[in-house]
C-alpha cells in the first residue's frame, strides 16, 4: 500500500522494555516488527525505550515517535503488543485518536 503521492508508507516501529525486568530484550520485539515491515516494503524509523510504561519522562523515543506523526513524518505507528506502548486503555484511546487526527494510523 503506497503512502501519499505514491511514496512508500513510513512507519515507526516502537519497542519498549521495562528497566525493572532485566530479562527483556527490545530486539525480540523489533525482529517481528521488522519482518512485518519488510513484507510490505515500508520505510522504517525505529524507536526503542528502556523505561517503565508510566515513566514518560524517560520514554524519550516515545516522545519522538509522537512528534513525528504530528509533523507528518510518519504514516503509521507499529507496536508488537499494546502494553509496550500504552500505560492504560485511556492512554491508548487518546493516543490513537491523536494519531487519527494527524492523518496517521497504528498497527499492533
PDB file of N, CA and C in Angstrom:
ATOM      1  N   UNK A   1       0.846  -1.172   0.000  1.00  0.00           N
ATOM      2  CA  UNK A   1       0.000   0.000   0.000  1.00  0.00           C
ATOM      3  C   UNK A   1       0.894   1.238   0.000  1.00  0.00           C
ATOM      4  N   UNK A   2       0.827   2.049  -1.048  1.00  0.00           N
ATOM      5  CA  UNK A   2       1.663   3.233  -1.100  1.00  0.00           C
ATOM      6  C   UNK A   2       1.142   4.322  -0.181  1.00  0.00           C
ATOM      7  N   UNK A   3       2.048   5.209   0.188  1.00  0.00           N
ATOM      8  CA  UNK A   3       1.663   6.349   1.000  1.00  0.00           C
ATOM      9  C   UNK A   3       1.179   7.478   0.101  1.00  0.00           C
ATOM     10  N   UNK A   4       1.081   8.637   0.647  1.00  0.00           N
ATOM     11  CA  UNK A   4       0.626   9.815  -0.081  1.00  0.00           C
ATOM     12  C   UNK A   4       1.539  10.097  -1.267  1.00  0.00           C
ATOM     13  N   UNK A   5       0.959  10.375  -2.425  1.00  0.00           N
ATOM     14  CA  UNK A   5       1.754  10.677  -3.605  1.00  0.00           C
ATOM     15  C   UNK A   5       2.481   9.472  -4.172  1.00  0.00           C
ATOM     16  N   UNK A   6       2.074   8.245  -3.818  1.00  0.00           N
ATOM     17  CA  UNK A   6       2.704   7.035  -4.325  1.00  0.00           C
ATOM     18  C   UNK A   6       4.003   6.654  -3.638  1.00  0.00           C
ATOM     19  N   UNK A   7       4.433   7.432  -2.651  1.00  0.00           N
ATOM     20  CA  UNK A   7       5.679   7.106  -1.939  1.00  0.00           C
ATOM     21  C   UNK A   7       5.429   5.940  -0.980  1.00  0.00           C
ATOM     22  N   UNK A   8       6.493   5.241  -0.572  1.00  0.00           N
ATOM     23  CA  UNK A   8       6.312   4.143   0.381  1.00  0.00           C
ATOM     24  C   UNK A   8       5.739   4.639   1.711  1.00  0.00           C
ATOM     25  N   UNK A   9       5.009   3.783   2.372  1.00  0.00           N
ATOM     26  CA  UNK A   9       4.454   4.102   3.686  1.00  0.00           C
ATOM     27  C   UNK A   9       5.598   4.207   4.685  1.00  0.00           C
ATOM     28  N   UNK A  10       5.593   5.262   5.480  1.00  0.00           N
ATOM     29  CA  UNK A  10       6.625   5.481   6.502  1.00  0.00           C
ATOM     30  C   UNK A  10       6.068   5.023   7.849  1.00  0.00           C
ATOM     31  N   UNK A  11       6.732   4.053   8.444  1.00  0.00           N
ATOM     32  CA  UNK A  11       6.252   3.516   9.715  1.00  0.00           C
ATOM     33  C   UNK A  11       7.306   3.678  10.798  1.00  0.00           C
ATOM     34  N   UNK A  12       6.808   3.758  12.025  1.00  0.00           N
ATOM     35  CA  UNK A  12       7.665   3.880  13.195  1.00  0.00           C
ATOM     36  C   UNK A  12       7.433   2.714  14.135  1.00  0.00           C
ATOM     37  N   UNK A  13       8.169   1.610  13.956  1.00  0.00           N
ATOM     38  CA  UNK A  13       8.067   0.516  14.922  1.00  0.00           C
ATOM     39  C   UNK A  13       8.590   0.974  16.286  1.00  0.00           C
ATOM     40  N   UNK A  14       7.843   0.651  17.325  1.00  0.00           N
ATOM     41  CA  UNK A  14       8.209   1.056  18.684  1.00  0.00           C
ATOM     42  C   UNK A  14       8.361  -0.182  19.554  1.00  0.00           C
ATOM     43  N   UNK A  15       9.470  -0.254  20.263  1.00  0.00           N
ATOM     44  CA  UNK A  15       9.712  -1.330  21.228  1.00  0.00           C
ATOM     45  C   UNK A  15      10.044  -0.698  22.571  1.00  0.00           C
ATOM     46  N   UNK A  16       9.534  -1.307  23.641  1.00  0.00           N
ATOM     47  CA  UNK A  16       9.828  -0.807  24.979  1.00  0.00           C
ATOM     48  C   UNK A  16      10.015  -1.973  25.914  1.00  0.00           C
ATOM     49  N   UNK A  17      11.048  -1.886  26.712  1.00  0.00           N
ATOM     50  CA  UNK A  17      11.252  -2.850  27.791  1.00  0.00           C
ATOM     51  C   UNK A  17      11.358  -2.079  29.094  1.00  0.00           C
ATOM     52  N   UNK A  18      10.905  -2.710  30.145  1.00  0.00           N
ATOM     53  CA  UNK A  18      10.964  -2.094  31.464  1.00  0.00           C
ATOM     54  C   UNK A  18      12.361  -2.262  32.036  1.00  0.00           C
ATOM     55  N   UNK A  19      12.840  -1.254  32.720  1.00  0.00           N
ATOM     56  CA  UNK A  19      14.156  -1.339  33.345  1.00  0.00           C
ATOM     57  C   UNK A  19      14.135  -2.266  34.551  1.00  0.00           C
ATOM     58  N   UNK A  20      12.939  -2.603  35.034  1.00  0.00           N
ATOM     59  CA  UNK A  20      12.845  -3.482  36.205  1.00  0.00           C
ATOM     60  C   UNK A  20      13.047  -4.949  35.841  1.00  0.00           C
ATOM     61  N   UNK A  21      12.727  -5.322  34.616  1.00  0.00           N
ATOM     62  CA  UNK A  21      12.834  -6.718  34.192  1.00  0.00           C
ATOM     63  C   UNK A  21      14.021  -6.853  33.248  1.00  0.00           C
ATOM     64  N   UNK A  22      15.138  -7.254  33.779  1.00  0.00           N
ATOM     65  CA  UNK A  22      16.391  -7.324  33.012  1.00  0.00           C
ATOM     66  C   UNK A  22      16.397  -8.452  31.978  1.00  0.00           C
ATOM     67  N   UNK A  23      15.413  -9.346  31.992  1.00  0.00           N
ATOM     68  CA  UNK A  23      15.375 -10.441  31.033  1.00  0.00           C
ATOM     69  C   UNK A  23      14.727 -10.019  29.712  1.00  0.00           C
ATOM     70  N   UNK A  24      14.177  -8.838  29.634  1.00  0.00           N
ATOM     71  CA  UNK A  24      13.543  -8.370  28.408  1.00  0.00           C
ATOM     72  C   UNK A  24      14.590  -7.834  27.439  1.00  0.00           C
ATOM     73  N   UNK A  25      14.308  -7.979  26.161  1.00  0.00           N
ATOM     74  CA  UNK A  25      15.219  -7.501  25.132  1.00  0.00           C
ATOM     75  C   UNK A  25      14.392  -6.875  24.013  1.00  0.00           C
ATOM     76  N   UNK A  26      14.602  -5.596  23.712  1.00  0.00           N
ATOM     77  CA  UNK A  26      13.813  -4.963  22.656  1.00  0.00           C
ATOM     78  C   UNK A  26      14.044  -5.595  21.285  1.00  0.00           C
ATOM     79  N   UNK A  27      15.169  -6.269  21.110  1.00  0.00           N
ATOM     80  CA  UNK A  27      15.456  -6.907  19.820  1.00  0.00           C
ATOM     81  C   UNK A  27      14.416  -7.966  19.476  1.00  0.00           C
ATOM     82  N   UNK A  28      13.858  -8.624  20.486  1.00  0.00           N
ATOM     83  CA  UNK A  28      12.828  -9.628  20.239  1.00  0.00           C
ATOM     84  C   UNK A  28      11.572  -8.981  19.659  1.00  0.00           C
ATOM     85  N   UNK A  29      11.182  -7.843  20.204  1.00  0.00           N
ATOM     86  CA  UNK A  29      10.024  -7.119  19.684  1.00  0.00           C
ATOM     87  C   UNK A  29      10.308  -6.598  18.282  1.00  0.00           C
ATOM     88  N   UNK A  30      11.510  -6.048  18.089  1.00  0.00           N
ATOM     89  CA  UNK A  30      11.853  -5.449  16.804  1.00  0.00           C
ATOM     90  C   UNK A  30      11.958  -6.479  15.684  1.00  0.00           C
ATOM     91  N   UNK A  31      12.381  -7.697  15.989  1.00  0.00           N
ATOM     92  CA  UNK A  31      12.524  -8.723  14.953  1.00  0.00           C
ATOM     93  C   UNK A  31      11.193  -8.978  14.253  1.00  0.00           C
ATOM     94  N   UNK A  32      10.140  -9.151  15.019  1.00  0.00           N
ATOM     95  CA  UNK A  32       8.821  -9.396  14.420  1.00  0.00           C
ATOM     96  C   UNK A  32       8.327  -8.160  13.665  1.00  0.00           C
ATOM     97  N   UNK A  33       8.568  -6.992  14.221  1.00  0.00           N
ATOM     98  CA  UNK A  33       8.135  -5.760  13.562  1.00  0.00           C
ATOM     99  C   UNK A  33       8.890  -5.550  12.249  1.00  0.00           C
ATOM    100  N   UNK A  34      10.189  -5.836  12.241  1.00  0.00           N
ATOM    101  CA  UNK A  34      10.989  -5.691  11.017  1.00  0.00           C
ATOM    102  C   UNK A  34      10.505  -6.642   9.929  1.00  0.00           C
ATOM    103  N   UNK A  35      10.167  -7.852  10.313  1.00  0.00           N
ATOM    104  CA  UNK A  35       9.656  -8.831   9.352  1.00  0.00           C
ATOM    105  C   UNK A  35       8.336  -8.343   8.743  1.00  0.00           C
ATOM    106  N   UNK A  36       7.461  -7.841   9.585  1.00  0.00           N
ATOM    107  CA  UNK A  36       6.165  -7.321   9.133  1.00  0.00           C
ATOM    108  C   UNK A  36       6.351  -6.164   8.150  1.00  0.00           C
ATOM    109  N   UNK A  37       7.254  -5.249   8.486  1.00  0.00           N
ATOM    110  CA  UNK A  37       7.514  -4.076   7.656  1.00  0.00           C
ATOM    111  C   UNK A  37       8.159  -4.482   6.329  1.00  0.00           C
ATOM    112  N   UNK A  38       9.129  -5.371   6.374  1.00  0.00           N
ATOM    113  CA  UNK A  38       9.838  -5.797   5.166  1.00  0.00           C
ATOM    114  C   UNK A  38       8.894  -6.468   4.173  1.00  0.00           C
ATOM    115  N   UNK A  39       7.947  -7.246   4.676  1.00  0.00           N
ATOM    116  CA  UNK A  39       6.993  -7.935   3.803  1.00  0.00           C
ATOM    117  C   UNK A  39       6.111  -6.944   3.046  1.00  0.00           C
ATOM    118  N   UNK A  40       6.002  -5.732   3.542  1.00  0.00           N
ATOM    119  CA  UNK A  40       5.142  -4.731   2.915  1.00  0.00           C
ATOM    120  C   UNK A  40       5.922  -3.658   2.155  1.00  0.00           C
ATOM    121  N   UNK A  41       7.235  -3.697   2.269  1.00  0.00           N
ATOM    122  CA  UNK A  41       8.056  -2.719   1.563  1.00  0.00           C
ATOM    123  C   UNK A  41       7.972  -1.317   2.124  1.00  0.00           C
ATOM    124  N   UNK A  42       7.665  -1.215   3.404  1.00  0.00           N
ATOM    125  CA  UNK A  42       7.528   0.088   4.042  1.00  0.00           C
ATOM    126  C   UNK A  42       8.895   0.652   4.434  1.00  0.00           C
ATOM    127  N   UNK A  43       8.951   1.947   4.619  1.00  0.00           N
ATOM    128  CA  UNK A  43      10.154   2.637   5.077  1.00  0.00           C
ATOM    129  C   UNK A  43      10.082   2.751   6.597  1.00  0.00           C
ATOM    130  N   UNK A  44      11.213   2.514   7.267  1.00  0.00           N
ATOM    131  CA  UNK A  44      11.210   2.381   8.723  1.00  0.00           C
ATOM    132  C   UNK A  44      12.131   3.384   9.412  1.00  0.00           C
ATOM    133  N   UNK A  45      11.652   3.896  10.541  1.00  0.00           N
ATOM    134  CA  UNK A  45      12.472   4.620  11.509  1.00  0.00           C
ATOM    135  C   UNK A  45      12.102   3.997  12.856  1.00  0.00           C
ATOM    136  N   UNK A  46      13.037   3.289  13.494  1.00  0.00           N
ATOM    137  CA  UNK A  46      12.736   2.565  14.732  1.00  0.00           C
ATOM    138  C   UNK A  46      12.893   3.450  15.965  1.00  0.00           C
ATOM    139  N   UNK A  47      12.090   3.126  16.974  1.00  0.00           N
ATOM    140  CA  UNK A  47      12.081   3.857  18.244  1.00  0.00           C
ATOM    141  C   UNK A  47      12.128   2.825  19.368  1.00  0.00           C
ATOM    142  N   UNK A  48      13.067   2.970  20.289  1.00  0.00           N
ATOM    143  CA  UNK A  48      13.227   1.999  21.376  1.00  0.00           C
ATOM    144  C   UNK A  48      13.433   2.736  22.694  1.00  0.00           C
ATOM    145  N   UNK A  49      12.692   2.303  23.719  1.00  0.00           N
ATOM    146  CA  UNK A  49      12.850   2.838  25.068  1.00  0.00           C
ATOM    147  C   UNK A  49      13.132   1.715  26.044  1.00  0.00           C
ATOM    148  N   UNK A  50      13.896   2.026  27.058  1.00  0.00           N
ATOM    149  CA  UNK A  50      14.106   1.123  28.187  1.00  0.00           C
ATOM    150  C   UNK A  50      13.672   1.880  29.434  1.00  0.00           C
ATOM    151  N   UNK A  51      12.374   1.794  29.716  1.00  0.00           N
ATOM    152  CA  UNK A  51      11.777   2.520  30.839  1.00  0.00           C
ATOM    153  C   UNK A  51      10.412   1.931  31.139  1.00  0.00           C
ATOM    154  N   UNK A  52       9.953   2.063  32.375  1.00  0.00           N
ATOM    155  CA  UNK A  52       8.602   1.610  32.707  1.00  0.00           C
ATOM    156  C   UNK A  52       7.559   2.360  31.876  1.00  0.00           C
ATOM    157  N   UNK A  53       6.419   1.736  31.648  1.00  0.00           N
ATOM    158  CA  UNK A  53       5.368   2.320  30.809  1.00  0.00           C
ATOM    159  C   UNK A  53       4.925   3.694  31.299  1.00  0.00           C
ATOM    160  N   UNK A  54       4.804   3.867  32.597  1.00  0.00           N
ATOM    161  CA  UNK A  54       4.305   5.117  33.149  1.00  0.00           C
ATOM    162  C   UNK A  54       5.325   6.231  33.251  1.00  0.00           C
ATOM    163  N   UNK A  55       6.578   5.946  32.958  1.00  0.00           N
ATOM    164  CA  UNK A  55       7.640   6.944  33.097  1.00  0.00           C
ATOM    165  C   UNK A  55       7.868   7.660  31.768  1.00  0.00           C
ATOM    166  N   UNK A  56       6.932   8.534  31.414  1.00  0.00           N
ATOM    167  CA  UNK A  56       7.021   9.210  30.118  1.00  0.00           C
ATOM    168  C   UNK A  56       8.235  10.126  30.007  1.00  0.00           C
ATOM    169  N   UNK A  57       8.751  10.598  31.122  1.00  0.00           N
ATOM    170  CA  UNK A  57       9.941  11.451  31.082  1.00  0.00           C
ATOM    171  C   UNK A  57      11.152  10.677  30.570  1.00  0.00           C
ATOM    172  N   UNK A  58      11.235   9.398  30.903  1.00  0.00           N
ATOM    173  CA  UNK A  58      12.366   8.579  30.453  1.00  0.00           C
ATOM    174  C   UNK A  58      12.070   7.866  29.138  1.00  0.00           C
ATOM    175  N   UNK A  59      10.850   7.939  28.674  1.00  0.00           N
ATOM    176  CA  UNK A  59      10.486   7.326  27.392  1.00  0.00           C
ATOM    177  C   UNK A  59      10.697   8.347  26.273  1.00  0.00           C
ATOM    178  N   UNK A  60      11.958   8.696  26.054  1.00  0.00           N
ATOM    179  CA  UNK A  60      12.286   9.744  25.093  1.00  0.00           C
ATOM    180  C   UNK A  60      11.997   9.319  23.656  1.00  0.00           C
ATOM    181  N   UNK A  61      12.180   8.047  23.334  1.00  0.00           N
ATOM    182  CA  UNK A  61      11.865   7.573  21.982  1.00  0.00           C
ATOM    183  C   UNK A  61      10.364   7.694  21.724  1.00  0.00           C
ATOM    184  N   UNK A  62       9.554   7.415  22.747  1.00  0.00           N
ATOM    185  CA  UNK A  62       8.109   7.573  22.610  1.00  0.00           C
ATOM    186  C   UNK A  62       7.757   9.036  22.305  1.00  0.00           C
ATOM    187  N   UNK A  63       8.416   9.947  22.974  1.00  0.00           N
ATOM    188  CA  UNK A  63       8.179  11.365  22.712  1.00  0.00           C
ATOM    189  C   UNK A  63       8.504  11.727  21.274  1.00  0.00           C
ATOM    190  N   UNK A  64       9.627  11.228  20.763  1.00  0.00           N
ATOM    191  CA  UNK A  64       9.991  11.480  19.362  1.00  0.00           C
ATOM    192  C   UNK A  64       8.991  10.811  18.422  1.00  0.00           C
ATOM    193  N   UNK A  65       8.559   9.602  18.787  1.00  0.00           N
ATOM    194  CA  UNK A  65       7.592   8.874  17.962  1.00  0.00           C
ATOM    195  C   UNK A  65       6.278   9.630  17.856  1.00  0.00           C
ATOM    196  N   UNK A  66       5.841  10.256  18.916  1.00  0.00           N
ATOM    197  CA  UNK A  66       4.597  11.019  18.871  1.00  0.00           C
ATOM    198  C   UNK A  66       4.773  12.357  18.142  1.00  0.00           C
ATOM    199  N   UNK A  67       5.959  12.906  18.141  1.00  0.00           N
ATOM    200  CA  UNK A  67       6.209  14.165  17.429  1.00  0.00           C
ATOM    201  C   UNK A  67       6.228  13.953  15.919  1.00  0.00           C
ATOM    202  N   UNK A  68       6.734  12.818  15.461  1.00  0.00           N
ATOM    203  CA  UNK A  68       6.881  12.593  14.023  1.00  0.00           C
ATOM    204  C   UNK A  68       5.550  12.517  13.275  1.00  0.00           C
ATOM    205  N   UNK A  69       4.534  11.780  13.734  1.00  0.00           N
ATOM    206  CA  UNK A  69       3.253  11.819  13.014  1.00  0.00           C
ATOM    207  C   UNK A  69       2.599  13.204  13.056  1.00  0.00           C
ATOM    208  N   UNK A  70       2.781  13.899  14.161  1.00  0.00           N
ATOM    209  CA  UNK A  70       2.218  15.248  14.293  1.00  0.00           C
ATOM    210  C   UNK A  70       2.803  16.160  13.215  1.00  0.00           C
ATOM    211  N   UNK A  71       4.077  15.914  12.873  1.00  0.00           N
ATOM    212  CA  UNK A  71       4.757  16.721  11.854  1.00  0.00           C
ATOM    213  C   UNK A  71       4.687  16.064  10.472  1.00  0.00           C
ATOM    214  N   UNK A  72       3.811  15.054  10.346  1.00  0.00           N
ATOM    215  CA  UNK A  72       3.581  14.343   9.082  1.00  0.00           C
ATOM    216  C   UNK A  72       4.834  13.616   8.578  1.00  0.00           C
ATOM    217  N   UNK A  73       5.664  13.148   9.521  1.00  0.00           N
ATOM    218  CA  UNK A  73       6.876  12.404   9.168  1.00  0.00           C
ATOM    219  C   UNK A  73       6.657  10.889   9.176  1.00  0.00           C
ATOM    220  N   UNK A  74       5.544  10.435   9.742  1.00  0.00           N
ATOM    221  CA  UNK A  74       5.204   9.011   9.796  1.00  0.00           C
ATOM    222  C   UNK A  74       3.755   8.815   9.387  1.00  0.00           C
ATOM    223  N   UNK A  75       3.510   7.692   8.713  1.00  0.00           N
ATOM    224  CA  UNK A  75       2.148   7.334   8.328  1.00  0.00           C
ATOM    225  C   UNK A  75       1.510   6.379   9.328  1.00  0.00           C
ATOM    226  N   UNK A  76       2.341   5.566   9.998  1.00  0.00           N
ATOM    227  CA  UNK A  76       1.817   4.590  10.955  1.00  0.00           C
ATOM    228  C   UNK A  76       2.798   4.370  12.096  1.00  0.00           C
ATOM    229  N   UNK A  77       2.223   4.111  13.256  1.00  0.00           N
ATOM    230  CA  UNK A  77       2.979   3.680  14.427  1.00  0.00           C
ATOM    231  C   UNK A  77       2.729   2.183  14.565  1.00  0.00           C
ATOM    232  N   UNK A  78       3.780   1.423  14.807  1.00  0.00           N
ATOM    233  CA  UNK A  78       3.697  -0.022  14.842  1.00  0.00           C
ATOM    234  C   UNK A  78       4.258  -0.543  16.161  1.00  0.00           C
ATOM    235  N   UNK A  79       3.491  -1.366  16.875  1.00  0.00           N
ATOM    236  CA  UNK A  79       3.953  -1.978  18.122  1.00  0.00           C
ATOM    237  C   UNK A  79       3.663  -3.469  18.089  1.00  0.00           C
ATOM    238  N   UNK A  80       4.485  -4.244  18.799  1.00  0.00           N
ATOM    239  CA  UNK A  80       4.271  -5.693  18.832  1.00  0.00           C
ATOM    240  C   UNK A  80       3.103  -6.060  19.744  1.00  0.00           C
ATOM    241  N   UNK A  81       2.941  -5.310  20.824  1.00  0.00           N
ATOM    242  CA  UNK A  81       1.834  -5.516  21.762  1.00  0.00           C
ATOM    243  C   UNK A  81       1.426  -4.147  22.304  1.00  0.00           C
ATOM    244  N   UNK A  82       0.150  -3.978  22.533  1.00  0.00           N
ATOM    245  CA  UNK A  82      -0.331  -2.675  23.002  1.00  0.00           C
ATOM    246  C   UNK A  82       0.295  -2.251  24.322  1.00  0.00           C
ATOM    247  N   UNK A  83       0.593  -3.212  25.205  1.00  0.00           N
ATOM    248  CA  UNK A  83       1.160  -2.828  26.505  1.00  0.00           C
ATOM    249  C   UNK A  83       2.590  -2.316  26.397  1.00  0.00           C
ATOM    250  N   UNK A  84       3.230  -2.477  25.257  1.00  0.00           N
ATOM    251  CA  UNK A  84       4.573  -1.920  25.066  1.00  0.00           C
ATOM    252  C   UNK A  84       4.503  -0.416  24.844  1.00  0.00           C
ATOM    253  N   UNK A  85       3.368   0.076  24.373  1.00  0.00           N
ATOM    254  CA  UNK A  85       3.240   1.495  24.048  1.00  0.00           C
ATOM    255  C   UNK A  85       2.414   2.276  25.059  1.00  0.00           C
ATOM    256  N   UNK A  86       1.343   1.677  25.539  1.00  0.00           N
ATOM    257  CA  UNK A  86       0.370   2.443  26.309  1.00  0.00           C
ATOM    258  C   UNK A  86       0.359   2.082  27.787  1.00  0.00           C
ATOM    259  N   UNK A  87       0.156   3.094  28.629  1.00  0.00           N
ATOM    260  CA  UNK A  87       0.098   2.905  30.082  1.00  0.00           C
ATOM    261  C   UNK A  87      -1.242   2.346  30.512  1.00  0.00           C
ATOM    262  N   UNK A  88      -2.292   2.686  29.759  1.00  0.00           N
ATOM    263  CA  UNK A  88      -3.649   2.305  30.149  1.00  0.00           C
ATOM    264  C   UNK A  88      -4.542   2.324  28.910  1.00  0.00           C
ATOM    265  N   UNK A  89      -5.752   1.851  29.079  1.00  0.00           N
ATOM    266  CA  UNK A  89      -6.717   1.894  27.990  1.00  0.00           C
ATOM    267  C   UNK A  89      -7.016   3.337  27.602  1.00  0.00           C
ATOM    268  N   UNK A  90      -7.133   4.207  28.587  1.00  0.00           N
ATOM    269  CA  UNK A  90      -7.396   5.616  28.310  1.00  0.00           C
ATOM    270  C   UNK A  90      -6.237   6.252  27.537  1.00  0.00           C
ATOM    271  N   UNK A  91      -5.003   5.928  27.926  1.00  0.00           N
ATOM    272  CA  UNK A  91      -3.831   6.435  27.208  1.00  0.00           C
ATOM    273  C   UNK A  91      -3.858   5.942  25.760  1.00  0.00           C
ATOM    274  N   UNK A  92      -4.203   4.678  25.550  1.00  0.00           N
ATOM    275  CA  UNK A  92      -4.292   4.127  24.195  1.00  0.00           C
ATOM    276  C   UNK A  92      -5.348   4.865  23.383  1.00  0.00           C
ATOM    277  N   UNK A  93      -6.513   5.048  23.958  1.00  0.00           N
ATOM    278  CA  UNK A  93      -7.601   5.713  23.257  1.00  0.00           C
ATOM    279  C   UNK A  93      -7.219   7.136  22.854  1.00  0.00           C
ATOM    280  N   UNK A  94      -6.654   7.872  23.779  1.00  0.00           N
ATOM    281  CA  UNK A  94      -6.263   9.256  23.489  1.00  0.00           C
ATOM    282  C   UNK A  94      -5.169   9.317  22.420  1.00  0.00           C
ATOM    283  N   UNK A  95      -4.195   8.416  22.515  1.00  0.00           N
ATOM    284  CA  UNK A  95      -3.096   8.411  21.547  1.00  0.00           C
ATOM    285  C   UNK A  95      -3.593   8.018  20.163  1.00  0.00           C
ATOM    286  N   UNK A  96      -4.425   6.983  20.085  1.00  0.00           N
ATOM    287  CA  UNK A  96      -4.942   6.548  18.792  1.00  0.00           C
ATOM    288  C   UNK A  96      -5.824   7.627  18.167  1.00  0.00           C
ATOM    289  N   UNK A  97      -6.570   8.327  18.978  1.00  0.00           N
ATOM    290  CA  UNK A  97      -7.383   9.432  18.494  1.00  0.00           C
ATOM    291  C   UNK A  97      -6.495  10.555  17.952  1.00  0.00           C
ATOM    292  N   UNK A  98      -5.419  10.856  18.661  1.00  0.00           N
ATOM    293  CA  UNK A  98      -4.482  11.886  18.199  1.00  0.00           C
ATOM    294  C   UNK A  98      -3.838  11.470  16.874  1.00  0.00           C
ATOM    295  N   UNK A  99      -3.396  10.223  16.774  1.00  0.00           N
ATOM    296  CA  UNK A  99      -2.800   9.740  15.527  1.00  0.00           C
ATOM    297  C   UNK A  99      -3.780   9.887  14.372  1.00  0.00           C
ATOM    298  N   UNK A 100      -5.011   9.542  14.608  1.00  0.00           N
ATOM    299  CA  UNK A 100      -6.037   9.672  13.574  1.00  0.00           C
ATOM    300  C   UNK A 100      -6.187  11.140  13.153  1.00  0.00           C
ATOM    301  N   UNK A 101      -6.184  12.023  14.118  1.00  0.00           N
ATOM    302  CA  UNK A 101      -6.297  13.446  13.829  1.00  0.00           C
ATOM    303  C   UNK A 101      -5.122  13.991  13.037  1.00  0.00           C
ATOM    304  N   UNK A 102      -3.958  13.382  13.189  1.00  0.00           N
ATOM    305  CA  UNK A 102      -2.756  13.808  12.463  1.00  0.00           C
ATOM    306  C   UNK A 102      -2.659  13.121  11.106  1.00  0.00           C
ATOM    307  N   UNK A 103      -3.627  12.283  10.761  1.00  0.00           N
ATOM    308  CA  UNK A 103      -3.596  11.587   9.487  1.00  0.00           C
ATOM    309  C   UNK A 103      -2.737  10.342   9.505  1.00  0.00           C
ATOM    310  N   UNK A 104      -2.395   9.852  10.676  1.00  0.00           N
ATOM    311  CA  UNK A 104      -1.590   8.643  10.826  1.00  0.00           C
ATOM    312  C   UNK A 104      -2.463   7.517  11.367  1.00  0.00           C
ATOM    313  N   UNK A 105      -1.930   6.328  11.318  1.00  0.00           N
ATOM    314  CA  UNK A 105      -2.640   5.184  11.870  1.00  0.00           C
ATOM    315  C   UNK A 105      -1.726   4.387  12.768  1.00  0.00           C
ATOM    316  N   UNK A 106      -2.203   3.232  13.175  1.00  0.00           N
ATOM    317  CA  UNK A 106      -1.388   2.360  14.014  1.00  0.00           C
ATOM    318  C   UNK A 106      -1.672   0.916  13.653  1.00  0.00           C
ATOM    319  N   UNK A 107      -0.726   0.071  14.000  1.00  0.00           N
ATOM    320  CA  UNK A 107      -0.878  -1.369  13.835  1.00  0.00           C
ATOM    321  C   UNK A 107      -0.243  -2.031  15.042  1.00  0.00           C
ATOM    322  N   UNK A 108      -0.820  -3.131  15.432  1.00  0.00           N
ATOM    323  CA  UNK A 108      -0.267  -3.910  16.531  1.00  0.00           C
ATOM    324  C   UNK A 108      -0.300  -5.372  16.138  1.00  0.00           C
TER     325      UNK A 108
END
